[in-house]
């Protein structure tokens, strides 16, 4: 008895851990779907926190307290809003 074609038919068998569909494994698909959110906290924190810290440092150096800090806060909050808007546009598409 020849078992070489038994159970194979026209199907393609994948190695363990890989899916035969073009989407890849479930884990890969989930990570690809979640990827925009993984660094969202760092992007928002950096965008919102760096300009005020820079403004505070400039205030100490130039003795203009609190004007550079206020300017940094405005720039940081504006940047955070723009980051959220960009993310919304990317995910909405």
PDB file of N, CA and C in Angstrom:
ATOM      1  N   UNK A   1       0.822  -1.174   0.000  1.00  0.00           N
ATOM      2  CA  UNK A   1       0.000   0.000   0.000  1.00  0.00           C
ATOM      3  C   UNK A   1       0.872   1.245   0.000  1.00  0.00           C
ATOM      4  N   UNK A   2       0.552   2.213  -0.877  1.00  0.00           N
ATOM      5  CA  UNK A   2       1.333   3.445  -0.985  1.00  0.00           C
ATOM      6  C   UNK A   2       0.609   4.564  -0.251  1.00  0.00           C
ATOM      7  N   UNK A   3       1.236   5.117   0.799  1.00  0.00           N
ATOM      8  CA  UNK A   3       0.622   6.172   1.598  1.00  0.00           C
ATOM      9  C   UNK A   3       1.167   7.555   1.256  1.00  0.00           C
ATOM     10  N   UNK A   4       1.880   7.727   0.192  1.00  0.00           N
ATOM     11  CA  UNK A   4       2.516   8.997  -0.125  1.00  0.00           C
ATOM     12  C   UNK A   4       1.517  10.118  -0.382  1.00  0.00           C
ATOM     13  N   UNK A   5       0.343   9.821  -0.944  1.00  0.00           N
ATOM     14  CA  UNK A   5      -0.650  10.861  -1.222  1.00  0.00           C
ATOM     15  C   UNK A   5      -1.791  10.838  -0.226  1.00  0.00           C
ATOM     16  N   UNK A   6      -1.714  10.034   0.786  1.00  0.00           N
ATOM     17  CA  UNK A   6      -2.807   9.889   1.734  1.00  0.00           C
ATOM     18  C   UNK A   6      -3.006  11.157   2.569  1.00  0.00           C
ATOM     19  N   UNK A   7      -4.189  11.745   2.483  1.00  0.00           N
ATOM     20  CA  UNK A   7      -4.545  12.889   3.318  1.00  0.00           C
ATOM     21  C   UNK A   7      -4.039  14.219   2.837  1.00  0.00           C
ATOM     22  N   UNK A   8      -3.289  14.260   1.767  1.00  0.00           N
ATOM     23  CA  UNK A   8      -2.748  15.535   1.308  1.00  0.00           C
ATOM     24  C   UNK A   8      -3.665  16.222   0.328  1.00  0.00           C
ATOM     25  N   UNK A   9      -4.125  15.563  -0.650  1.00  0.00           N
ATOM     26  CA  UNK A   9      -4.976  16.169  -1.654  1.00  0.00           C
ATOM     27  C   UNK A   9      -4.293  17.371  -2.276  1.00  0.00           C
ATOM     28  N   UNK A  10      -5.046  18.433  -2.515  1.00  0.00           N
ATOM     29  CA  UNK A  10      -4.499  19.663  -3.087  1.00  0.00           C
ATOM     30  C   UNK A  10      -4.138  20.687  -2.016  1.00  0.00           C
ATOM     31  N   UNK A  11      -4.289  20.338  -0.747  1.00  0.00           N
ATOM     32  CA  UNK A  11      -4.025  21.288   0.336  1.00  0.00           C
ATOM     33  C   UNK A  11      -2.527  21.492   0.525  1.00  0.00           C
ATOM     34  N   UNK A  12      -2.182  22.670   0.955  1.00  0.00           N
ATOM     35  CA  UNK A  12      -0.797  22.974   1.300  1.00  0.00           C
ATOM     36  C   UNK A  12      -0.689  22.882   2.807  1.00  0.00           C
ATOM     37  N   UNK A  13       0.215  22.077   3.307  1.00  0.00           N
ATOM     38  CA  UNK A  13       0.392  21.971   4.744  1.00  0.00           C
ATOM     39  C   UNK A  13       1.491  22.913   5.177  1.00  0.00           C
ATOM     40  N   UNK A  14       1.238  23.634   6.240  1.00  0.00           N
ATOM     41  CA  UNK A  14       2.187  24.623   6.749  1.00  0.00           C
ATOM     42  C   UNK A  14       2.954  24.052   7.919  1.00  0.00           C
ATOM     43  N   UNK A  15       4.163  24.520   8.136  1.00  0.00           N
ATOM     44  CA  UNK A  15       4.893  24.114   9.333  1.00  0.00           C
ATOM     45  C   UNK A  15       4.149  24.592  10.573  1.00  0.00           C
ATOM     46  N   UNK A  16       4.377  23.943  11.714  1.00  0.00           N
ATOM     47  CA  UNK A  16       3.717  24.389  12.942  1.00  0.00           C
ATOM     48  C   UNK A  16       4.037  25.847  13.243  1.00  0.00           C
ATOM     49  N   UNK A  17       3.030  26.593  13.651  1.00  0.00           N
ATOM     50  CA  UNK A  17       3.222  27.998  13.992  1.00  0.00           C
ATOM     51  C   UNK A  17       2.990  28.937  12.838  1.00  0.00           C
ATOM     52  N   UNK A  18       2.795  28.406  11.631  1.00  0.00           N
ATOM     53  CA  UNK A  18       2.523  29.252  10.478  1.00  0.00           C
ATOM     54  C   UNK A  18       1.162  28.902   9.919  1.00  0.00           C
ATOM     55  N   UNK A  19       0.487  29.888   9.445  1.00  0.00           N
ATOM     56  CA  UNK A  19      -0.808  29.685   8.836  1.00  0.00           C
ATOM     57  C   UNK A  19      -0.648  29.684   7.330  1.00  0.00           C
ATOM     58  N   UNK A  20      -1.487  28.931   6.651  1.00  0.00           N
ATOM     59  CA  UNK A  20      -1.376  28.891   5.203  1.00  0.00           C
ATOM     60  C   UNK A  20      -2.014  30.117   4.554  1.00  0.00           C
ATOM     61  N   UNK A  21      -2.790  30.886   5.305  1.00  0.00           N
ATOM     62  CA  UNK A  21      -3.387  32.098   4.736  1.00  0.00           C
ATOM     63  C   UNK A  21      -2.346  33.194   4.642  1.00  0.00           C
ATOM     64  N   UNK A  22      -2.637  34.215   3.861  1.00  0.00           N
ATOM     65  CA  UNK A  22      -1.674  35.292   3.672  1.00  0.00           C
ATOM     66  C   UNK A  22      -1.532  36.173   4.906  1.00  0.00           C
ATOM     67  N   UNK A  23      -2.434  36.062   5.878  1.00  0.00           N
ATOM     68  CA  UNK A  23      -2.401  36.884   7.071  1.00  0.00           C
ATOM     69  C   UNK A  23      -1.340  36.484   8.070  1.00  0.00           C
ATOM     70  N   UNK A  24      -0.785  35.307   7.948  1.00  0.00           N
ATOM     71  CA  UNK A  24       0.202  34.849   8.904  1.00  0.00           C
ATOM     72  C   UNK A  24      -0.479  34.259  10.114  1.00  0.00           C
ATOM     73  N   UNK A  25       0.271  34.073  11.181  1.00  0.00           N
ATOM     74  CA  UNK A  25      -0.301  33.498  12.385  1.00  0.00           C
ATOM     75  C   UNK A  25      -1.208  34.497  13.065  1.00  0.00           C
ATOM     76  N   UNK A  26      -1.988  33.995  13.976  1.00  0.00           N
ATOM     77  CA  UNK A  26      -2.878  34.868  14.726  1.00  0.00           C
ATOM     78  C   UNK A  26      -2.105  35.909  15.518  1.00  0.00           C
ATOM     79  N   UNK A  27      -0.960  35.507  16.075  1.00  0.00           N
ATOM     80  CA  UNK A  27      -0.147  36.431  16.851  1.00  0.00           C
ATOM     81  C   UNK A  27       0.413  37.545  15.973  1.00  0.00           C
ATOM     82  N   UNK A  28       0.884  37.185  14.781  1.00  0.00           N
ATOM     83  CA  UNK A  28       1.389  38.213  13.874  1.00  0.00           C
ATOM     84  C   UNK A  28       0.301  39.194  13.490  1.00  0.00           C
ATOM     85  N   UNK A  29      -0.877  38.680  13.211  1.00  0.00           N
ATOM     86  CA  UNK A  29      -1.992  39.536  12.820  1.00  0.00           C
ATOM     87  C   UNK A  29      -2.378  40.477  13.962  1.00  0.00           C
ATOM     88  N   UNK A  30      -2.404  39.946  15.179  1.00  0.00           N
ATOM     89  CA  UNK A  30      -2.744  40.774  16.341  1.00  0.00           C
ATOM     90  C   UNK A  30      -1.684  41.840  16.569  1.00  0.00           C
ATOM     91  N   UNK A  31      -0.406  41.468  16.489  1.00  0.00           N
ATOM     92  CA  UNK A  31       0.658  42.453  16.687  1.00  0.00           C
ATOM     93  C   UNK A  31       0.631  43.532  15.612  1.00  0.00           C
ATOM     94  N   UNK A  32       0.324  43.144  14.378  1.00  0.00           N
ATOM     95  CA  UNK A  32       0.231  44.137  13.306  1.00  0.00           C
ATOM     96  C   UNK A  32      -0.939  45.088  13.560  1.00  0.00           C
ATOM     97  N   UNK A  33      -2.038  44.560  14.087  1.00  0.00           N
ATOM     98  CA  UNK A  33      -3.194  45.409  14.370  1.00  0.00           C
ATOM     99  C   UNK A  33      -2.969  46.314  15.577  1.00  0.00           C
ATOM    100  N   UNK A  34      -2.173  45.854  16.528  1.00  0.00           N
ATOM    101  CA  UNK A  34      -1.948  46.596  17.775  1.00  0.00           C
ATOM    102  C   UNK A  34      -0.745  47.525  17.687  1.00  0.00           C
ATOM    103  N   UNK A  35       0.105  47.358  16.687  1.00  0.00           N
ATOM    104  CA  UNK A  35       1.362  48.109  16.575  1.00  0.00           C
ATOM    105  C   UNK A  35       1.197  49.621  16.696  1.00  0.00           C
ATOM    106  N   UNK A  36       0.185  50.251  16.086  1.00  0.00           N
ATOM    107  CA  UNK A  36       0.081  51.705  16.247  1.00  0.00           C
ATOM    108  C   UNK A  36      -0.146  52.143  17.692  1.00  0.00           C
ATOM    109  N   UNK A  37      -0.706  51.255  18.504  1.00  0.00           N
ATOM    110  CA  UNK A  37      -0.989  51.615  19.898  1.00  0.00           C
ATOM    111  C   UNK A  37       0.182  51.348  20.825  1.00  0.00           C
ATOM    112  N   UNK A  38       1.120  50.499  20.416  1.00  0.00           N
ATOM    113  CA  UNK A  38       2.196  50.093  21.311  1.00  0.00           C
ATOM    114  C   UNK A  38       3.093  51.247  21.732  1.00  0.00           C
ATOM    115  N   UNK A  39       3.374  52.151  20.838  1.00  0.00           N
ATOM    116  CA  UNK A  39       4.249  53.268  21.199  1.00  0.00           C
ATOM    117  C   UNK A  39       3.484  54.577  21.352  1.00  0.00           C
ATOM    118  N   UNK A  40       2.167  54.501  21.390  1.00  0.00           N
ATOM    119  CA  UNK A  40       1.361  55.715  21.507  1.00  0.00           C
ATOM    120  C   UNK A  40       1.673  56.477  22.790  1.00  0.00           C
ATOM    121  N   UNK A  41       1.818  55.775  23.889  1.00  0.00           N
ATOM    122  CA  UNK A  41       2.127  56.440  25.163  1.00  0.00           C
ATOM    123  C   UNK A  41       3.446  57.186  25.117  1.00  0.00           C
ATOM    124  N   UNK A  42       4.460  56.570  24.525  1.00  0.00           N
ATOM    125  CA  UNK A  42       5.766  57.226  24.436  1.00  0.00           C
ATOM    126  C   UNK A  42       5.723  58.420  23.511  1.00  0.00           C
ATOM    127  N   UNK A  43       5.010  58.281  22.395  1.00  0.00           N
ATOM    128  CA  UNK A  43       4.932  59.414  21.464  1.00  0.00           C
ATOM    129  C   UNK A  43       4.197  60.587  22.101  1.00  0.00           C
ATOM    130  N   UNK A  44       3.087  60.310  22.769  1.00  0.00           N
ATOM    131  CA  UNK A  44       2.336  61.395  23.398  1.00  0.00           C
ATOM    132  C   UNK A  44       3.107  62.010  24.558  1.00  0.00           C
ATOM    133  N   UNK A  45       3.730  61.175  25.362  1.00  0.00           N
ATOM    134  CA  UNK A  45       4.495  61.700  26.501  1.00  0.00           C
ATOM    135  C   UNK A  45       5.670  62.546  26.028  1.00  0.00           C
ATOM    136  N   UNK A  46       6.366  62.073  25.012  1.00  0.00           N
ATOM    137  CA  UNK A  46       7.500  62.839  24.487  1.00  0.00           C
ATOM    138  C   UNK A  46       7.070  64.139  23.850  1.00  0.00           C
ATOM    139  N   UNK A  47       5.974  64.073  23.109  1.00  0.00           N
ATOM    140  CA  UNK A  47       5.487  65.274  22.435  1.00  0.00           C
ATOM    141  C   UNK A  47       4.970  66.301  23.427  1.00  0.00           C
ATOM    142  N   UNK A  48       4.299  65.841  24.471  1.00  0.00           N
ATOM    143  CA  UNK A  48       3.715  66.772  25.430  1.00  0.00           C
ATOM    144  C   UNK A  48       4.698  67.220  26.505  1.00  0.00           C
ATOM    145  N   UNK A  49       5.699  66.408  26.838  1.00  0.00           N
ATOM    146  CA  UNK A  49       6.578  66.728  27.963  1.00  0.00           C
ATOM    147  C   UNK A  49       7.881  67.408  27.559  1.00  0.00           C
ATOM    148  N   UNK A  50       8.412  67.107  26.392  1.00  0.00           N
ATOM    149  CA  UNK A  50       9.717  67.659  26.030  1.00  0.00           C
ATOM    150  C   UNK A  50       9.708  69.181  25.865  1.00  0.00           C
ATOM    151  N   UNK A  51       8.762  69.786  25.159  1.00  0.00           N
ATOM    152  CA  UNK A  51       8.795  71.254  25.025  1.00  0.00           C
ATOM    153  C   UNK A  51       8.688  72.014  26.352  1.00  0.00           C
ATOM    154  N   UNK A  52       7.806  71.612  27.292  1.00  0.00           N
ATOM    155  CA  UNK A  52       7.819  72.329  28.579  1.00  0.00           C
ATOM    156  C   UNK A  52       9.127  72.174  29.346  1.00  0.00           C
ATOM    157  N   UNK A  53       9.728  70.983  29.272  1.00  0.00           N
ATOM    158  CA  UNK A  53      11.024  70.808  29.938  1.00  0.00           C
ATOM    159  C   UNK A  53      12.094  71.677  29.292  1.00  0.00           C
ATOM    160  N   UNK A  54      12.069  71.761  27.994  1.00  0.00           N
ATOM    161  CA  UNK A  54      13.001  72.637  27.289  1.00  0.00           C
ATOM    162  C   UNK A  54      12.741  74.098  27.662  1.00  0.00           C
ATOM    163  N   UNK A  55      11.467  74.482  27.736  1.00  0.00           N
ATOM    164  CA  UNK A  55      11.119  75.844  28.141  1.00  0.00           C
ATOM    165  C   UNK A  55      11.572  76.154  29.557  1.00  0.00           C
ATOM    166  N   UNK A  56      11.425  75.189  30.450  1.00  0.00           N
ATOM    167  CA  UNK A  56      11.878  75.380  31.823  1.00  0.00           C
ATOM    168  C   UNK A  56      13.389  75.581  31.875  1.00  0.00           C
ATOM    169  N   UNK A  57      14.101  74.775  31.109  1.00  0.00           N
ATOM    170  CA  UNK A  57      15.559  74.927  31.053  1.00  0.00           C
ATOM    171  C   UNK A  57      15.962  76.281  30.483  1.00  0.00           C
ATOM    172  N   UNK A  58      15.266  76.725  29.444  1.00  0.00           N
ATOM    173  CA  UNK A  58      15.557  78.046  28.870  1.00  0.00           C
ATOM    174  C   UNK A  58      15.229  79.164  29.858  1.00  0.00           C
ATOM    175  N   UNK A  59      14.146  78.992  30.625  1.00  0.00           N
ATOM    176  CA  UNK A  59      13.800  79.985  31.649  1.00  0.00           C
ATOM    177  C   UNK A  59      14.903  80.111  32.698  1.00  0.00           C
ATOM    178  N   UNK A  60      15.442  78.982  33.116  1.00  0.00           N
ATOM    179  CA  UNK A  60      16.524  79.037  34.100  1.00  0.00           C
ATOM    180  C   UNK A  60      17.770  79.701  33.527  1.00  0.00           C
ATOM    181  N   UNK A  61      18.041  79.434  32.265  1.00  0.00           N
ATOM    182  CA  UNK A  61      19.245  79.967  31.630  1.00  0.00           C
ATOM    183  C   UNK A  61      19.100  81.445  31.307  1.00  0.00           C
ATOM    184  N   UNK A  62      17.914  81.845  30.799  1.00  0.00           N
ATOM    185  CA  UNK A  62      17.707  83.231  30.369  1.00  0.00           C
ATOM    186  C   UNK A  62      17.046  84.118  31.434  1.00  0.00           C
ATOM    187  N   UNK A  63      16.662  83.529  32.570  1.00  0.00           N
ATOM    188  CA  UNK A  63      15.993  84.250  33.657  1.00  0.00           C
ATOM    189  C   UNK A  63      14.717  84.935  33.160  1.00  0.00           C
ATOM    190  N   UNK A  64      13.909  84.189  32.433  1.00  0.00           N
ATOM    191  CA  UNK A  64      12.659  84.737  31.909  1.00  0.00           C
ATOM    192  C   UNK A  64      11.443  84.017  32.484  1.00  0.00           C
ATOM    193  N   UNK A  65      11.590  83.438  33.647  1.00  0.00           N
ATOM    194  CA  UNK A  65      10.528  82.633  34.255  1.00  0.00           C
ATOM    195  C   UNK A  65       9.229  83.406  34.285  1.00  0.00           C
ATOM    196  N   UNK A  66       8.140  82.856  33.943  1.00  0.00           N
ATOM    197  CA  UNK A  66       7.753  81.528  33.454  1.00  0.00           C
ATOM    198  C   UNK A  66       7.421  81.506  31.967  1.00  0.00           C
ATOM    199  N   UNK A  67       7.857  82.474  31.194  1.00  0.00           N
ATOM    200  CA  UNK A  67       7.372  82.637  29.823  1.00  0.00           C
ATOM    201  C   UNK A  67       7.777  81.515  28.876  1.00  0.00           C
ATOM    202  N   UNK A  68       8.985  81.049  28.951  1.00  0.00           N
ATOM    203  CA  UNK A  68       9.398  79.948  28.079  1.00  0.00           C
ATOM    204  C   UNK A  68       8.684  78.652  28.465  1.00  0.00           C
ATOM    205  N   UNK A  69       8.438  78.484  29.768  1.00  0.00           N
ATOM    206  CA  UNK A  69       7.692  77.313  30.222  1.00  0.00           C
ATOM    207  C   UNK A  69       6.276  77.329  29.659  1.00  0.00           C
ATOM    208  N   UNK A  70       5.626  78.481  29.707  1.00  0.00           N
ATOM    209  CA  UNK A  70       4.276  78.588  29.127  1.00  0.00           C
ATOM    210  C   UNK A  70       4.296  78.318  27.627  1.00  0.00           C
ATOM    211  N   UNK A  71       5.270  78.873  26.955  1.00  0.00           N
ATOM    212  CA  UNK A  71       5.392  78.619  25.519  1.00  0.00           C
ATOM    213  C   UNK A  71       5.620  77.145  25.229  1.00  0.00           C
ATOM    214  N   UNK A  72       6.447  76.495  26.031  1.00  0.00           N
ATOM    215  CA  UNK A  72       6.682  75.061  25.867  1.00  0.00           C
ATOM    216  C   UNK A  72       5.431  74.238  26.116  1.00  0.00           C
ATOM    217  N   UNK A  73       4.616  74.686  27.088  1.00  0.00           N
ATOM    218  CA  UNK A  73       3.350  73.982  27.349  1.00  0.00           C
ATOM    219  C   UNK A  73       2.408  74.089  26.159  1.00  0.00           C
ATOM    220  N   UNK A  74       2.329  75.278  25.576  1.00  0.00           N
ATOM    221  CA  UNK A  74       1.464  75.466  24.406  1.00  0.00           C
ATOM    222  C   UNK A  74       1.945  74.608  23.242  1.00  0.00           C
ATOM    223  N   UNK A  75       3.246  74.609  23.007  1.00  0.00           N
ATOM    224  CA  UNK A  75       3.797  73.806  21.907  1.00  0.00           C
ATOM    225  C   UNK A  75       3.595  72.317  22.188  1.00  0.00           C
ATOM    226  N   UNK A  76       3.814  71.884  23.418  1.00  0.00           N
ATOM    227  CA  UNK A  76       3.658  70.471  23.768  1.00  0.00           C
ATOM    228  C   UNK A  76       2.226  69.993  23.643  1.00  0.00           C
ATOM    229  N   UNK A  77       1.286  70.771  24.134  1.00  0.00           N
ATOM    230  CA  UNK A  77      -0.121  70.369  24.019  1.00  0.00           C
ATOM    231  C   UNK A  77      -0.587  70.396  22.570  1.00  0.00           C
ATOM    232  N   UNK A  78      -0.128  71.365  21.816  1.00  0.00           N
ATOM    233  CA  UNK A  78      -0.476  71.406  20.391  1.00  0.00           C
ATOM    234  C   UNK A  78       0.095  70.195  19.661  1.00  0.00           C
ATOM    235  N   UNK A  79       1.305  69.848  19.986  1.00  0.00           N
ATOM    236  CA  UNK A  79       1.922  68.668  19.368  1.00  0.00           C
ATOM    237  C   UNK A  79       1.199  67.382  19.731  1.00  0.00           C
ATOM    238  N   UNK A  80       0.743  67.265  20.984  1.00  0.00           N
ATOM    239  CA  UNK A  80      -0.001  66.076  21.393  1.00  0.00           C
ATOM    240  C   UNK A  80      -1.327  65.981  20.648  1.00  0.00           C
ATOM    241  N   UNK A  81      -2.001  67.114  20.480  1.00  0.00           N
ATOM    242  CA  UNK A  81      -3.259  67.120  19.725  1.00  0.00           C
ATOM    243  C   UNK A  81      -3.000  66.728  18.273  1.00  0.00           C
ATOM    244  N   UNK A  82      -1.938  67.222  17.686  1.00  0.00           N
ATOM    245  CA  UNK A  82      -1.605  66.852  16.308  1.00  0.00           C
ATOM    246  C   UNK A  82      -1.257  65.367  16.189  1.00  0.00           C
ATOM    247  N   UNK A  83      -0.558  64.832  17.177  1.00  0.00           N
ATOM    248  CA  UNK A  83      -0.254  63.395  17.172  1.00  0.00           C
ATOM    249  C   UNK A  83      -1.535  62.570  17.232  1.00  0.00           C
ATOM    250  N   UNK A  84      -2.458  62.947  18.106  1.00  0.00           N
ATOM    251  CA  UNK A  84      -3.724  62.226  18.201  1.00  0.00           C
ATOM    252  C   UNK A  84      -4.526  62.344  16.911  1.00  0.00           C
ATOM    253  N   UNK A  85      -4.504  63.519  16.302  1.00  0.00           N
ATOM    254  CA  UNK A  85      -5.213  63.717  15.037  1.00  0.00           C
ATOM    255  C   UNK A  85      -4.600  62.843  13.946  1.00  0.00           C
ATOM    256  N   UNK A  86      -3.283  62.783  13.881  1.00  0.00           N
ATOM    257  CA  UNK A  86      -2.608  61.951  12.880  1.00  0.00           C
ATOM    258  C   UNK A  86      -2.939  60.480  13.090  1.00  0.00           C
ATOM    259  N   UNK A  87      -2.938  60.041  14.350  1.00  0.00           N
ATOM    260  CA  UNK A  87      -3.273  58.645  14.642  1.00  0.00           C
ATOM    261  C   UNK A  87      -4.712  58.333  14.259  1.00  0.00           C
ATOM    262  N   UNK A  88      -5.613  59.261  14.535  1.00  0.00           N
ATOM    263  CA  UNK A  88      -7.009  59.061  14.170  1.00  0.00           C
ATOM    264  C   UNK A  88      -7.169  58.947  12.656  1.00  0.00           C
ATOM    265  N   UNK A  89      -6.446  59.773  11.912  1.00  0.00           N
ATOM    266  CA  UNK A  89      -6.517  59.705  10.446  1.00  0.00           C
ATOM    267  C   UNK A  89      -5.918  58.399   9.919  1.00  0.00           C
ATOM    268  N   UNK A  90      -4.829  57.934  10.516  1.00  0.00           N
ATOM    269  CA  UNK A  90      -4.208  56.690  10.086  1.00  0.00           C
ATOM    270  C   UNK A  90      -5.111  55.494  10.358  1.00  0.00           C
ATOM    271  N   UNK A  91      -5.733  55.475  11.521  1.00  0.00           N
ATOM    272  CA  UNK A  91      -6.551  54.324  11.895  1.00  0.00           C
ATOM    273  C   UNK A  91      -7.934  54.383  11.268  1.00  0.00           C
ATOM    274  N   UNK A  92      -8.378  55.565  10.910  1.00  0.00           N
ATOM    275  CA  UNK A  92      -9.679  55.697  10.277  1.00  0.00           C
ATOM    276  C   UNK A  92      -9.676  55.210   8.851  1.00  0.00           C
ATOM    277  N   UNK A  93      -8.503  55.170   8.225  1.00  0.00           N
ATOM    278  CA  UNK A  93      -8.392  54.761   6.815  1.00  0.00           C
ATOM    279  C   UNK A  93      -8.476  53.268   6.686  1.00  0.00           C
TER     280      UNK A  93
END
